[in-house]
Amino acid sequence: MGEADEGGIARKWWIKFKDESVFAKYTPFFVCLASGSLNCDTFMHFISQDVHFLKAFALAYELAEECADDEEDKLAIRKLRKRVKQKLKTLDSLVREWGFELPEEIITDDATVKCTDFLLSTASGKVEGEKVLGKIETPFEKIKVAAYTLSAISPCMRLFEVIAKEIQALLNPDDGSHLYKKWIDYYCSQSFQESALQTEELLDKLSVLLTGEELEVIKKLYYKAIKLHVNFFAAQPVKQQTTVPLSWVKDPVEGHLTLFCDFDWTCTAFDSSSILAELAIVTAQKSDPDQSEGKLTRMSSADLRNTWDVLSTKYTEEYEQCIESIMSSEAVAEFEYEGLREALKQLAYFEKKENSRVVQSGVLKGLNLEDIKRASQHLIFQDGCRRSAFASGILSETYKSCIIHFREHTLSENSSAPLMLSGDLNAFRVHSNELVYEESISTGEIVNKLESPLEKLQAFNDILKDHSNDEQNLTVYIGGSPGDLLCLLEADIGIVIGSSSSLRRLGDHFGVSFVPLFSSLVERQKELVDGSSYKWKRLTGTLYTVSSWAEIHAFILGP
């Protein structure tokens, strides 16, 4: 895919806000379209809105051309406007080429109006956040408005191209039976890519002389344009049964949706125990050289650092040895659950031994509970899994292994972050190993509840027993480390996030299938028959992969 310079403003903002494209891709509209089963009336309603978008784009380009100061820029914008006007002129024949007919009467959606009104207001210089609104007089003011206009157009074009390419990758190029293949091919075409790239390059060029405050306005316009288009796709009148979002598909009257989530390597990008160790070292430095009477005796900061370095090195080396030992057995041709379960006993023994080492070392002795809560603010989370109040609550209660679970009724579609990240600590329960405290000071001891994959699985099953009265209890487990494998496989929907090569290697070795979540939803959508209700069918030995928490949010809650 051709894209603007890596250092350009268009490229920068697309990378920053690319997760928003996930919310568009996971709408019922695009999942149905990708499957080829989208109702034709829905598609034609969607295509009919193109008339309004093309007219708005043509006018916006015209206004941007008037504002541009450089003749080369004017010429480039003029060419883009001509392409839009040509498409508008030939839209009827283009739609017929795709195999459809435009409706005689075209009704404008509210979501369409919001998109076009935003674009034309921006192109007219009516920009939210600007100090002075009204008549555009000076050459610099005009250039600035031209840049603002392109920042409202650029993400829309890139959004179409990116989603179309992702859908195209799922299609068989030799299969011409897909109802919407020609539409998908159009937005993957070199001509459309060139238009998208030229718009981005112009945005980069016109933004060069803008101030930091003005670039911030461009950032906000770019983001708003994406959000409005995501809302536009979500608002399309899909009247057929769909596989997304899961919280809409699952009827709470029929049962409950129970979500489980690991913490380290799933929510976080690294092992959170390192935060505890660093905190122990820092607080020890403050109390050196003497220990206050009545406090728990603890090591000096130098001894703590040396001890932790030794523990970390040993853990890394022996963990790899443990994984290699498991992998030394012959790989299986088909999924073998019992073989995997037996192999993970080696990992269980390793984790118990390592936890015992940590306790015996005393490195976690003398930590203040409030200091731990403050330290949680420095946790680095997986992309899209934003920190909130729940992070400090979990870090202060847990050591290494953890399961978070909550019921469907605690989910809020108004939450701005994925799933449990509303900050409501009453919205979920935490099952974990726990640090032991005396008067809010850690003793260095650990109450071990989830030391191994087998204990984690037992906790998972115990929770489900409490819900055994539910006739149709649908379970989702989100995990990112080898210790999650058994729970992931036990759940109706096991979602793998993160970059753990050990998890993938172990899974592959024992015949686990890893399938991208979006492509699996498209395949399931193909199997749906009009009028039938949708129920998730668990596939034994199959796990679903995602690249970010945005995918999980989009799948379960929608945009």
Protein backbone atom coordinates (compact mmCIF):
# COMPACT_ATOMS: atom_id res chain seq x y z
CA MET A 1 0.00 0.00 0.00
CA GLY A 2 1.42 3.37 -0.96
CA GLU A 3 1.43 5.77 1.97
CA ALA A 4 2.64 9.20 2.87
CA ASP A 5 6.19 9.73 4.11
CA GLU A 6 6.78 8.02 7.45
CA GLY A 7 7.60 11.40 8.95
CA GLY A 8 4.54 13.14 7.48
CA ILE A 9 1.60 14.36 9.50
CA ALA A 10 -0.89 12.16 7.59
CA ARG A 11 1.12 9.01 8.28
CA LYS A 12 1.61 10.04 11.92
CA TRP A 13 -2.09 10.51 12.62
CA TRP A 14 -3.13 7.38 10.72
CA ILE A 15 -0.77 5.29 12.88
CA LYS A 16 -2.06 6.98 16.03
CA PHE A 17 -5.73 6.44 15.20
CA LYS A 18 -5.52 3.23 13.13
CA ASP A 19 -7.39 1.27 15.81
CA GLU A 20 -10.50 3.23 14.87
CA SER A 21 -10.47 1.41 11.52
CA VAL A 22 -10.92 -1.82 13.51
CA PHE A 23 -14.25 -0.55 14.85
CA ALA A 24 -15.40 0.10 11.30
CA LYS A 25 -14.20 -3.30 10.07
CA TYR A 26 -16.04 -5.14 12.85
CA THR A 27 -19.42 -3.48 12.15
CA PRO A 28 -22.23 -5.83 11.05
CA PHE A 29 -22.12 -4.05 7.69
CA PHE A 30 -18.52 -4.95 6.82
CA VAL A 31 -18.62 -8.45 8.34
CA CYS A 32 -21.67 -9.22 6.18
CA LEU A 33 -20.14 -7.55 3.13
CA ALA A 34 -16.88 -9.49 3.55
CA SER A 35 -18.84 -12.74 3.74
CA GLY A 36 -20.71 -11.90 0.55
CA SER A 37 -24.04 -12.36 2.35
CA LEU A 38 -24.93 -8.70 2.90
CA ASN A 39 -28.52 -8.00 1.95
CA CYS A 40 -28.59 -6.24 -1.44
CA ASP A 41 -31.01 -3.56 -0.21
CA THR A 42 -28.60 -2.67 2.60
CA PHE A 43 -25.72 -2.43 0.14
CA MET A 44 -27.67 -0.24 -2.26
CA HIS A 45 -28.71 2.05 0.57
CA PHE A 46 -25.03 2.33 1.47
CA ILE A 47 -23.97 3.01 -2.14
CA SER A 48 -26.72 5.60 -2.57
CA GLN A 49 -25.08 7.69 0.14
CA ASP A 50 -22.06 8.00 -2.17
CA VAL A 51 -23.94 10.67 -4.12
CA HIS A 52 -23.96 12.95 -1.07
CA PHE A 53 -20.35 12.14 -0.14
CA LEU A 54 -19.05 12.77 -3.67
CA LYS A 55 -20.84 16.12 -3.91
CA ALA A 56 -19.40 17.16 -0.54
CA PHE A 57 -15.90 15.98 -1.47
CA ALA A 58 -16.01 17.84 -4.79
CA LEU A 59 -17.07 21.09 -3.10
CA ALA A 60 -14.51 20.64 -0.31
CA TYR A 61 -11.73 20.13 -2.88
CA GLU A 62 -12.93 23.23 -4.76
CA LEU A 63 -12.75 25.33 -1.58
CA ALA A 64 -9.33 23.86 -0.74
CA GLU A 65 -8.07 24.72 -4.22
CA GLU A 66 -9.19 28.35 -3.78
CA CYS A 67 -7.29 28.50 -0.49
CA ALA A 68 -4.07 26.92 -1.76
CA ASP A 69 -1.34 29.46 -2.55
CA ASP A 70 1.07 27.41 -4.65
CA GLU A 71 0.12 26.70 -8.30
CA GLU A 72 1.44 23.16 -8.05
CA ASP A 73 -0.79 22.53 -5.03
CA LYS A 74 -3.78 24.06 -6.80
CA LEU A 75 -3.20 21.79 -9.79
CA ALA A 76 -2.92 18.67 -7.57
CA ILE A 77 -6.15 19.51 -5.71
CA ARG A 78 -7.88 20.27 -9.01
CA LYS A 79 -6.96 16.80 -10.31
CA LEU A 80 -8.36 15.19 -7.19
CA ARG A 81 -11.59 17.19 -7.57
CA LYS A 82 -11.88 16.11 -11.22
CA ARG A 83 -11.57 12.46 -10.21
CA VAL A 84 -14.39 12.90 -7.71
CA LYS A 85 -16.62 14.70 -10.23
CA GLN A 86 -15.89 12.04 -12.82
CA LYS A 87 -16.93 9.32 -10.38
CA LEU A 88 -20.10 11.27 -9.56
CA LYS A 89 -20.84 11.62 -13.26
CA THR A 90 -20.32 7.93 -13.97
CA LEU A 91 -21.67 6.56 -10.67
CA ASP A 92 -24.74 5.02 -12.33
CA SER A 93 -22.66 3.07 -14.83
CA LEU A 94 -20.06 2.18 -12.15
CA VAL A 95 -22.77 0.75 -9.90
CA ARG A 96 -24.22 -1.17 -12.84
CA GLU A 97 -20.71 -2.53 -13.50
CA TRP A 98 -20.71 -3.76 -9.91
CA GLY A 99 -23.99 -5.54 -10.72
CA PHE A 100 -26.50 -3.21 -9.07
CA GLU A 101 -28.84 -0.30 -9.82
CA LEU A 102 -28.98 2.98 -7.89
CA PRO A 103 -32.41 3.65 -6.35
CA GLU A 104 -34.42 6.42 -7.99
CA GLU A 105 -35.06 8.16 -4.68
CA ILE A 106 -32.00 8.65 -2.48
CA ILE A 107 -32.69 9.36 1.18
CA THR A 108 -29.87 10.89 3.21
CA ASP A 109 -28.93 9.21 6.49
CA ASP A 110 -28.36 11.30 9.62
CA ALA A 111 -24.89 9.73 9.85
CA THR A 112 -24.18 10.84 6.27
CA VAL A 113 -25.32 14.39 7.02
CA LYS A 114 -23.03 14.57 10.04
CA CYS A 115 -20.07 13.52 7.89
CA THR A 116 -20.77 15.92 5.03
CA ASP A 117 -21.71 18.85 7.30
CA PHE A 118 -18.45 18.41 9.21
CA LEU A 119 -16.43 18.31 5.99
CA LEU A 120 -18.05 21.37 4.42
CA SER A 121 -17.92 23.38 7.65
CA THR A 122 -14.21 22.65 7.86
CA ALA A 123 -13.65 23.58 4.20
CA SER A 124 -15.49 26.87 4.84
CA GLY A 125 -13.14 27.76 7.69
CA LYS A 126 -15.63 27.05 10.46
CA VAL A 127 -13.30 24.97 12.57
CA GLU A 128 -13.91 24.12 16.21
CA GLY A 129 -10.92 25.14 18.33
CA GLU A 130 -9.85 28.06 16.16
CA LYS A 131 -9.62 31.41 17.92
CA VAL A 132 -10.93 33.45 14.99
CA LEU A 133 -13.79 32.34 12.78
CA GLY A 134 -15.30 34.12 9.85
CA LYS A 135 -13.79 35.68 6.74
CA ILE A 136 -10.58 34.09 5.49
CA GLU A 137 -8.35 36.91 4.22
CA THR A 138 -4.59 36.42 4.48
CA PRO A 139 -2.70 33.89 2.30
CA PHE A 140 -1.53 32.02 5.41
CA GLU A 141 -5.09 31.74 6.76
CA LYS A 142 -6.17 30.31 3.42
CA ILE A 143 -3.35 27.73 3.35
CA LYS A 144 -4.25 26.75 6.89
CA VAL A 145 -7.91 26.16 5.92
CA ALA A 146 -6.78 24.10 2.92
CA ALA A 147 -4.72 21.92 5.28
CA TYR A 148 -7.67 21.61 7.64
CA THR A 149 -9.89 20.52 4.75
CA LEU A 150 -7.47 17.81 3.64
CA SER A 151 -7.16 16.58 7.22
CA ALA A 152 -10.92 15.96 7.14
CA ILE A 153 -10.74 14.12 3.78
CA SER A 154 -7.52 12.11 4.08
CA PRO A 155 -8.52 9.61 6.82
CA CYS A 156 -11.80 8.78 5.08
CA MET A 157 -10.00 7.69 1.92
CA ARG A 158 -7.38 5.72 3.80
CA LEU A 159 -10.11 4.05 5.88
CA PHE A 160 -11.90 2.75 2.77
CA GLU A 161 -8.66 1.52 1.22
CA VAL A 162 -7.38 -0.26 4.34
CA ILE A 163 -10.66 -2.08 5.06
CA ALA A 164 -11.13 -3.05 1.41
CA LYS A 165 -7.61 -4.51 1.30
CA GLU A 166 -8.15 -6.51 4.49
CA ILE A 167 -11.37 -7.94 3.07
CA GLN A 168 -9.77 -8.61 -0.32
CA ALA A 169 -7.07 -10.69 1.42
CA LEU A 170 -9.81 -13.07 2.62
CA LEU A 171 -11.23 -13.65 -0.87
CA ASN A 172 -10.24 -16.30 -3.37
CA PRO A 173 -8.96 -14.29 -6.37
CA ASP A 174 -10.22 -17.00 -8.74
CA ASP A 175 -13.71 -17.02 -7.29
CA GLY A 176 -15.94 -14.54 -9.11
CA SER A 177 -19.10 -15.48 -7.23
CA HIS A 178 -18.60 -13.03 -4.35
CA LEU A 179 -21.40 -10.50 -4.73
CA TYR A 180 -19.32 -7.47 -3.70
CA LYS A 181 -15.92 -8.39 -5.14
CA LYS A 182 -15.99 -5.63 -7.78
CA TRP A 183 -16.75 -2.99 -5.13
CA ILE A 184 -13.88 -4.31 -2.99
CA ASP A 185 -11.53 -4.35 -5.99
CA TYR A 186 -12.42 -0.75 -6.82
CA TYR A 187 -11.22 0.51 -3.43
CA CYS A 188 -8.09 -1.64 -3.73
CA SER A 189 -7.32 -0.29 -7.20
CA GLN A 190 -4.17 1.62 -8.01
CA SER A 191 -6.24 4.63 -9.05
CA PHE A 192 -7.96 4.91 -5.67
CA GLN A 193 -4.69 4.31 -3.81
CA GLU A 194 -3.07 7.12 -5.79
CA SER A 195 -5.85 9.52 -4.84
CA ALA A 196 -5.53 8.58 -1.17
CA LEU A 197 -1.74 9.00 -1.28
CA GLN A 198 -1.89 12.34 -3.13
CA THR A 199 -4.36 13.71 -0.55
CA GLU A 200 -1.98 12.66 2.25
CA GLU A 201 1.04 14.17 0.50
CA LEU A 202 -0.80 17.47 0.04
CA LEU A 203 -1.80 17.46 3.70
CA ASP A 204 1.85 16.93 4.67
CA LYS A 205 3.01 19.77 2.41
CA LEU A 206 0.38 22.30 3.50
CA SER A 207 1.03 21.53 7.19
CA VAL A 208 4.76 22.29 7.15
CA LEU A 209 4.47 25.92 8.28
CA LEU A 210 1.67 25.43 10.80
CA THR A 211 2.21 26.11 14.50
CA GLY A 212 1.98 23.44 17.20
CA GLU A 213 -1.47 24.72 18.15
CA GLU A 214 -2.66 24.51 14.54
CA LEU A 215 -1.24 21.01 14.13
CA GLU A 216 -3.24 20.05 17.21
CA VAL A 217 -6.37 21.30 15.40
CA ILE A 218 -5.46 19.08 12.43
CA LYS A 219 -5.07 16.13 14.77
CA LYS A 220 -8.56 16.71 16.20
CA LEU A 221 -10.10 17.12 12.75
CA TYR A 222 -8.42 13.93 11.52
CA TYR A 223 -9.71 11.97 14.52
CA LYS A 224 -13.23 13.38 14.25
CA ALA A 225 -13.37 12.49 10.55
CA ILE A 226 -12.52 8.86 11.33
CA LYS A 227 -15.02 8.68 14.18
CA LEU A 228 -17.81 10.10 12.03
CA HIS A 229 -17.13 7.53 9.31
CA VAL A 230 -17.03 4.68 11.82
CA ASN A 231 -20.43 5.87 13.05
CA PHE A 232 -21.61 6.02 9.45
CA PHE A 233 -20.69 2.37 8.84
CA ALA A 234 -22.24 1.36 12.17
CA ALA A 235 -25.47 3.16 11.27
CA GLN A 236 -26.06 1.19 8.06
CA PRO A 237 -29.43 -0.60 8.26
CA VAL A 238 -28.31 -4.22 8.48
CA LYS A 239 -31.54 -6.12 9.11
CA GLN A 240 -30.17 -9.66 8.90
CA GLN A 241 -28.79 -11.84 11.71
CA THR A 242 -25.07 -11.16 12.23
CA THR A 243 -22.15 -12.56 14.21
CA VAL A 244 -21.16 -9.18 15.69
CA PRO A 245 -21.08 -7.59 18.13
CA LEU A 246 -21.20 -10.50 20.56
CA SER A 247 -23.04 -8.55 23.27
CA TRP A 248 -25.88 -7.87 20.82
CA VAL A 249 -25.94 -11.38 19.38
CA LYS A 250 -26.07 -13.01 22.82
CA ASP A 251 -29.58 -12.71 24.22
CA PRO A 252 -29.26 -12.24 28.02
CA VAL A 253 -32.65 -13.90 28.51
CA GLU A 254 -31.17 -17.14 27.17
CA GLY A 255 -28.16 -17.10 29.47
CA HIS A 256 -25.10 -15.11 30.47
CA LEU A 257 -21.96 -13.94 28.75
CA THR A 258 -19.05 -14.45 31.17
CA LEU A 259 -15.75 -12.81 30.35
CA PHE A 260 -12.39 -13.87 31.75
CA CYS A 261 -9.13 -12.00 31.34
CA ASP A 262 -5.54 -12.63 32.36
CA PHE A 263 -3.49 -9.63 33.53
CA ASP A 264 0.26 -9.94 32.92
CA TRP A 265 1.10 -10.15 29.19
CA THR A 266 -2.60 -9.76 28.39
CA CYS A 267 -3.49 -6.37 29.83
CA THR A 268 0.13 -5.44 30.48
CA ALA A 269 3.01 -5.47 28.01
CA PHE A 270 5.36 -7.09 30.54
CA ASP A 271 5.50 -8.98 33.85
CA SER A 272 4.17 -6.58 36.51
CA SER A 273 6.28 -8.23 39.22
CA SER A 274 9.21 -6.16 37.91
CA ILE A 275 7.34 -3.03 39.04
CA LEU A 276 7.12 -4.49 42.55
CA ALA A 277 10.82 -5.30 42.56
CA GLU A 278 11.79 -1.83 41.40
CA LEU A 279 9.53 -0.31 44.04
CA ALA A 280 11.22 -2.44 46.72
CA ILE A 281 14.64 -1.17 45.60
CA VAL A 282 13.56 2.49 45.50
CA THR A 283 11.86 2.42 48.91
CA ALA A 284 14.86 0.61 50.40
CA GLN A 285 17.11 3.43 49.20
CA LYS A 286 14.95 5.91 51.10
CA SER A 287 15.24 3.93 54.33
CA ASP A 288 19.01 3.24 54.04
CA PRO A 289 21.25 3.21 56.02
CA ASP A 290 19.18 2.55 59.14
CA GLN A 291 15.95 0.59 59.62
CA SER A 292 13.15 2.14 61.65
CA GLU A 293 12.40 0.30 64.86
CA GLY A 294 9.29 -1.83 64.71
CA LYS A 295 9.42 -2.18 60.92
CA LEU A 296 10.06 -5.44 59.10
CA THR A 297 13.79 -6.02 58.63
CA ARG A 298 14.71 -5.79 54.97
CA MET A 299 17.77 -5.88 52.72
CA SER A 300 19.70 -2.82 51.61
CA SER A 301 18.86 -1.38 48.20
CA ALA A 302 22.15 -2.70 46.73
CA ASP A 303 21.45 -6.21 48.00
CA LEU A 304 17.88 -6.03 46.72
CA ARG A 305 19.00 -5.07 43.22
CA ASN A 306 21.63 -7.79 43.10
CA THR A 307 19.17 -10.38 44.41
CA TRP A 308 16.48 -9.37 41.91
CA ASP A 309 18.95 -9.41 39.02
CA VAL A 310 19.96 -12.96 39.94
CA LEU A 311 16.32 -14.05 40.28
CA SER A 312 15.38 -12.47 36.92
CA THR A 313 18.31 -14.05 35.10
CA LYS A 314 17.59 -17.48 36.56
CA TYR A 315 13.89 -17.18 35.76
CA THR A 316 14.54 -16.29 32.11
CA GLU A 317 17.12 -19.03 31.59
CA GLU A 318 15.15 -21.77 33.34
CA TYR A 319 11.86 -20.72 31.74
CA GLU A 320 13.38 -21.19 28.29
CA GLN A 321 14.82 -24.53 29.39
CA CYS A 322 11.37 -25.58 30.61
CA ILE A 323 9.73 -24.65 27.31
CA GLU A 324 12.47 -26.42 25.33
CA SER A 325 12.03 -29.50 27.50
CA ILE A 326 8.31 -29.57 26.69
CA MET A 327 9.05 -29.03 23.01
CA SER A 328 11.50 -31.94 22.94
CA SER A 329 8.60 -34.39 22.61
CA GLU A 330 7.36 -35.26 19.13
CA ALA A 331 4.88 -32.75 17.67
CA VAL A 332 1.37 -34.07 17.07
CA ALA A 333 -0.55 -34.00 13.80
CA GLU A 334 -3.93 -33.26 15.41
CA PHE A 335 -5.04 -31.39 18.52
CA GLU A 336 -4.14 -33.35 21.67
CA TYR A 337 -5.55 -31.74 24.82
CA GLU A 338 -4.40 -34.37 27.30
CA GLY A 339 -0.86 -34.26 25.94
CA LEU A 340 -0.77 -30.49 26.34
CA ARG A 341 -2.23 -30.68 29.85
CA GLU A 342 0.37 -33.25 30.88
CA ALA A 343 3.20 -31.20 29.37
CA LEU A 344 2.09 -28.06 31.21
CA LYS A 345 2.68 -29.85 34.51
CA GLN A 346 6.36 -29.14 33.86
CA LEU A 347 5.54 -25.45 33.64
CA ALA A 348 3.51 -25.74 36.85
CA TYR A 349 6.48 -27.25 38.70
CA PHE A 350 8.75 -24.50 37.35
CA GLU A 351 6.42 -21.66 38.44
CA LYS A 352 6.01 -23.10 41.96
CA LYS A 353 9.79 -23.34 42.31
CA GLU A 354 10.32 -19.77 41.11
CA ASN A 355 7.66 -18.34 43.44
CA SER A 356 9.28 -20.15 46.34
CA ARG A 357 12.63 -18.56 45.42
CA VAL A 358 11.10 -15.11 45.45
CA VAL A 359 9.59 -15.64 48.91
CA GLN A 360 12.83 -17.03 50.32
CA SER A 361 14.83 -14.11 48.87
CA GLY A 362 12.78 -11.52 50.77
CA VAL A 363 12.80 -9.05 47.85
CA LEU A 364 9.11 -8.21 48.27
CA LYS A 365 9.34 -7.55 52.00
CA GLY A 366 8.49 -4.10 53.38
CA LEU A 367 6.40 -2.71 50.52
CA ASN A 368 3.77 -0.13 51.43
CA LEU A 369 0.33 -0.84 49.98
CA GLU A 370 -0.23 2.80 48.99
CA ASP A 371 3.18 2.92 47.26
CA ILE A 372 2.18 -0.14 45.22
CA LYS A 373 -1.05 1.53 44.12
CA ARG A 374 0.88 4.62 43.02
CA ALA A 375 3.47 2.48 41.23
CA SER A 376 0.71 0.87 39.18
CA GLN A 377 0.41 4.12 37.23
CA HIS A 378 3.73 3.22 35.58
CA LEU A 379 2.47 -0.06 34.15
CA ILE A 380 2.75 -0.29 30.38
CA PHE A 381 -0.43 -1.71 28.90
CA GLN A 382 -1.07 -3.53 25.66
CA ASP A 383 -2.11 -1.33 22.77
CA GLY A 384 -5.69 -0.21 23.39
CA CYS A 385 -5.88 -1.57 26.94
CA ARG A 386 -5.80 1.77 28.70
CA ARG A 387 -4.95 2.11 32.34
CA SER A 388 -7.64 2.92 34.86
CA ALA A 389 -8.52 2.50 38.50
CA PHE A 390 -8.69 -1.26 38.11
CA ALA A 391 -4.92 -1.46 37.47
CA SER A 392 -3.91 -0.23 40.92
CA GLY A 393 -6.45 -2.50 42.56
CA ILE A 394 -5.14 -5.58 40.76
CA LEU A 395 -1.43 -4.82 41.22
CA SER A 396 -1.82 -4.29 44.97
CA GLU A 397 -3.67 -7.60 45.36
CA THR A 398 -1.76 -9.89 43.04
CA TYR A 399 1.58 -11.47 42.30
CA LYS A 400 2.25 -12.86 38.84
CA SER A 401 -0.82 -15.00 38.09
CA CYS A 402 -4.31 -13.58 37.86
CA ILE A 403 -7.79 -14.12 36.41
CA ILE A 404 -10.27 -11.26 36.10
CA HIS A 405 -13.88 -12.19 35.44
CA PHE A 406 -17.21 -10.39 35.22
CA ARG A 407 -20.75 -10.97 33.99
CA GLU A 408 -22.53 -9.51 31.01
CA HIS A 409 -24.66 -7.14 33.05
CA THR A 410 -21.54 -5.28 34.23
CA LEU A 411 -20.57 -4.34 30.68
CA SER A 412 -21.31 -0.81 29.57
CA GLU A 413 -21.70 0.07 25.92
CA ASN A 414 -20.92 3.65 26.93
CA SER A 415 -17.47 2.70 28.23
CA SER A 416 -14.73 4.58 26.40
CA ALA A 417 -12.19 1.78 26.87
CA PRO A 418 -12.39 -1.92 26.16
CA LEU A 419 -14.40 -4.17 28.45
CA MET A 420 -13.44 -3.97 32.12
CA LEU A 421 -11.57 -0.69 31.86
CA SER A 422 -14.37 1.47 33.19
CA GLY A 423 -12.52 1.91 36.46
CA ASP A 424 -15.36 0.39 38.48
CA LEU A 425 -13.63 -2.05 40.83
CA ASN A 426 -16.99 -3.59 41.69
CA ALA A 427 -17.53 -4.57 38.06
CA PHE A 428 -15.24 -7.59 38.21
CA ARG A 429 -13.67 -10.14 40.52
CA VAL A 430 -9.97 -10.92 40.72
CA HIS A 431 -8.61 -14.41 41.41
CA SER A 432 -4.85 -14.44 41.96
CA ASN A 433 -1.79 -15.10 44.03
CA GLU A 434 -1.74 -12.49 46.79
CA LEU A 435 0.90 -10.58 48.71
CA VAL A 436 0.61 -10.84 52.51
CA TYR A 437 0.45 -7.57 54.49
CA GLU A 438 0.83 -6.57 58.13
CA GLU A 439 -0.57 -3.11 58.73
CA SER A 440 -0.34 -2.27 55.00
CA ILE A 441 3.31 -3.41 54.79
CA SER A 442 4.16 -6.55 52.79
CA THR A 443 5.80 -9.41 54.71
CA GLY A 444 7.43 -10.88 51.59
CA GLU A 445 5.15 -13.92 51.76
CA ILE A 446 2.76 -14.90 48.95
CA VAL A 447 -0.55 -16.70 49.29
CA ASN A 448 -0.35 -18.95 46.25
CA LYS A 449 -3.70 -19.61 44.62
CA LEU A 450 -2.87 -19.62 40.92
CA GLU A 451 0.73 -20.76 40.62
CA SER A 452 0.22 -22.93 37.56
CA PRO A 453 -1.86 -23.38 34.39
CA LEU A 454 -3.69 -26.25 36.11
CA GLU A 455 -4.65 -24.13 39.14
CA LYS A 456 -5.78 -21.37 36.80
CA LEU A 457 -7.97 -23.87 34.96
CA GLN A 458 -9.41 -25.09 38.26
CA ALA A 459 -10.32 -21.51 39.23
CA PHE A 460 -11.92 -21.04 35.80
CA ASN A 461 -14.05 -24.17 36.20
CA ASP A 462 -14.99 -23.30 39.80
CA ILE A 463 -16.32 -19.93 38.63
CA LEU A 464 -18.38 -21.64 35.94
CA LYS A 465 -19.88 -23.98 38.52
CA ASP A 466 -21.35 -20.93 40.25
CA HIS A 467 -23.11 -20.17 36.97
CA SER A 468 -24.24 -23.72 36.35
CA ASN A 469 -27.92 -22.75 36.54
CA ASP A 470 -27.51 -20.77 33.31
CA GLU A 471 -28.78 -22.92 30.46
CA GLN A 472 -26.60 -21.16 27.91
CA ASN A 473 -23.58 -19.65 29.58
CA LEU A 474 -21.20 -18.36 26.89
CA THR A 475 -17.59 -17.92 28.06
CA VAL A 476 -14.83 -15.75 26.61
CA TYR A 477 -11.26 -16.02 27.88
CA ILE A 478 -8.61 -13.47 26.88
CA GLY A 479 -5.00 -14.48 27.49
CA GLY A 480 -1.46 -13.94 26.27
CA SER A 481 0.93 -16.42 27.93
CA PRO A 482 1.48 -20.22 28.01
CA GLY A 483 -0.12 -20.33 31.46
CA ASP A 484 -3.43 -19.31 29.82
CA LEU A 485 -3.52 -22.12 27.26
CA LEU A 486 -5.78 -24.51 29.16
CA CYS A 487 -8.29 -21.80 30.05
CA LEU A 488 -8.24 -20.45 26.51
CA LEU A 489 -9.04 -23.92 25.17
CA GLU A 490 -11.71 -24.57 27.80
CA ALA A 491 -13.64 -21.36 27.04
CA ASP A 492 -16.22 -21.17 24.27
CA ILE A 493 -14.17 -18.37 22.75
CA GLY A 494 -10.45 -18.25 23.54
CA ILE A 495 -8.84 -15.00 22.36
CA VAL A 496 -5.06 -14.73 22.17
CA ILE A 497 -3.49 -11.28 22.39
CA GLY A 498 0.14 -10.23 22.66
CA SER A 499 3.37 -11.49 21.17
CA SER A 500 4.21 -14.56 23.28
CA SER A 501 6.15 -16.87 20.97
CA SER A 502 6.12 -19.55 23.70
CA LEU A 503 2.32 -19.69 23.66
CA ARG A 504 2.24 -20.10 19.89
CA ARG A 505 5.05 -22.68 19.86
CA LEU A 506 3.42 -24.81 22.55
CA GLY A 507 0.03 -24.53 20.89
CA ASP A 508 1.38 -25.49 17.47
CA HIS A 509 3.30 -28.40 19.01
CA PHE A 510 0.10 -29.91 20.41
CA GLY A 511 -2.09 -29.24 17.38
CA VAL A 512 -3.85 -26.03 18.47
CA SER A 513 -5.21 -23.99 15.54
CA PHE A 514 -4.70 -20.21 15.68
CA VAL A 515 -7.22 -18.34 13.52
CA PRO A 516 -7.51 -14.53 13.07
CA LEU A 517 -10.72 -13.48 14.82
CA PHE A 518 -12.05 -11.31 11.98
CA SER A 519 -11.67 -13.98 9.30
CA SER A 520 -13.39 -16.53 11.56
CA LEU A 521 -16.35 -14.18 12.01
CA VAL A 522 -16.61 -13.72 8.26
CA GLU A 523 -16.65 -17.51 7.77
CA ARG A 524 -19.31 -17.90 10.46
CA GLN A 525 -21.37 -15.16 8.81
CA LYS A 526 -21.34 -17.15 5.55
CA GLU A 527 -22.96 -20.07 7.37
CA LEU A 528 -25.88 -18.01 8.68
CA VAL A 529 -29.17 -18.57 6.91
CA ASP A 530 -31.74 -15.76 6.66
CA GLY A 531 -34.22 -15.90 9.52
CA SER A 532 -32.12 -18.27 11.63
CA SER A 533 -30.86 -17.33 15.09
CA TYR A 534 -27.13 -17.30 15.69
CA LYS A 535 -25.46 -19.33 18.43
CA TRP A 536 -21.70 -19.54 18.79
CA LYS A 537 -20.47 -23.08 18.11
CA ARG A 538 -17.30 -23.90 19.99
CA LEU A 539 -14.52 -25.40 17.85
CA THR A 540 -12.35 -27.78 19.87
CA GLY A 541 -8.65 -26.93 19.71
CA THR A 542 -9.19 -23.56 17.99
CA LEU A 543 -8.08 -20.20 19.40
CA TYR A 544 -8.69 -16.76 17.90
CA THR A 545 -5.94 -14.19 17.48
CA VAL A 546 -6.17 -10.40 17.63
CA SER A 547 -3.57 -7.68 17.17
CA SER A 548 -4.97 -5.22 19.72
CA TRP A 549 -7.55 -4.67 22.43
CA ALA A 550 -9.51 -2.59 19.93
CA GLU A 551 -10.42 -5.83 18.13
CA ILE A 552 -11.68 -7.37 21.37
CA HIS A 553 -13.74 -4.28 22.18
CA ALA A 554 -15.14 -4.10 18.64
CA PHE A 555 -16.01 -7.83 18.63
CA ILE A 556 -17.77 -7.89 22.00
CA LEU A 557 -19.25 -4.40 22.36
CA GLY A 558 -19.23 -2.91 18.87
CA PRO A 559 -18.29 0.70 18.04
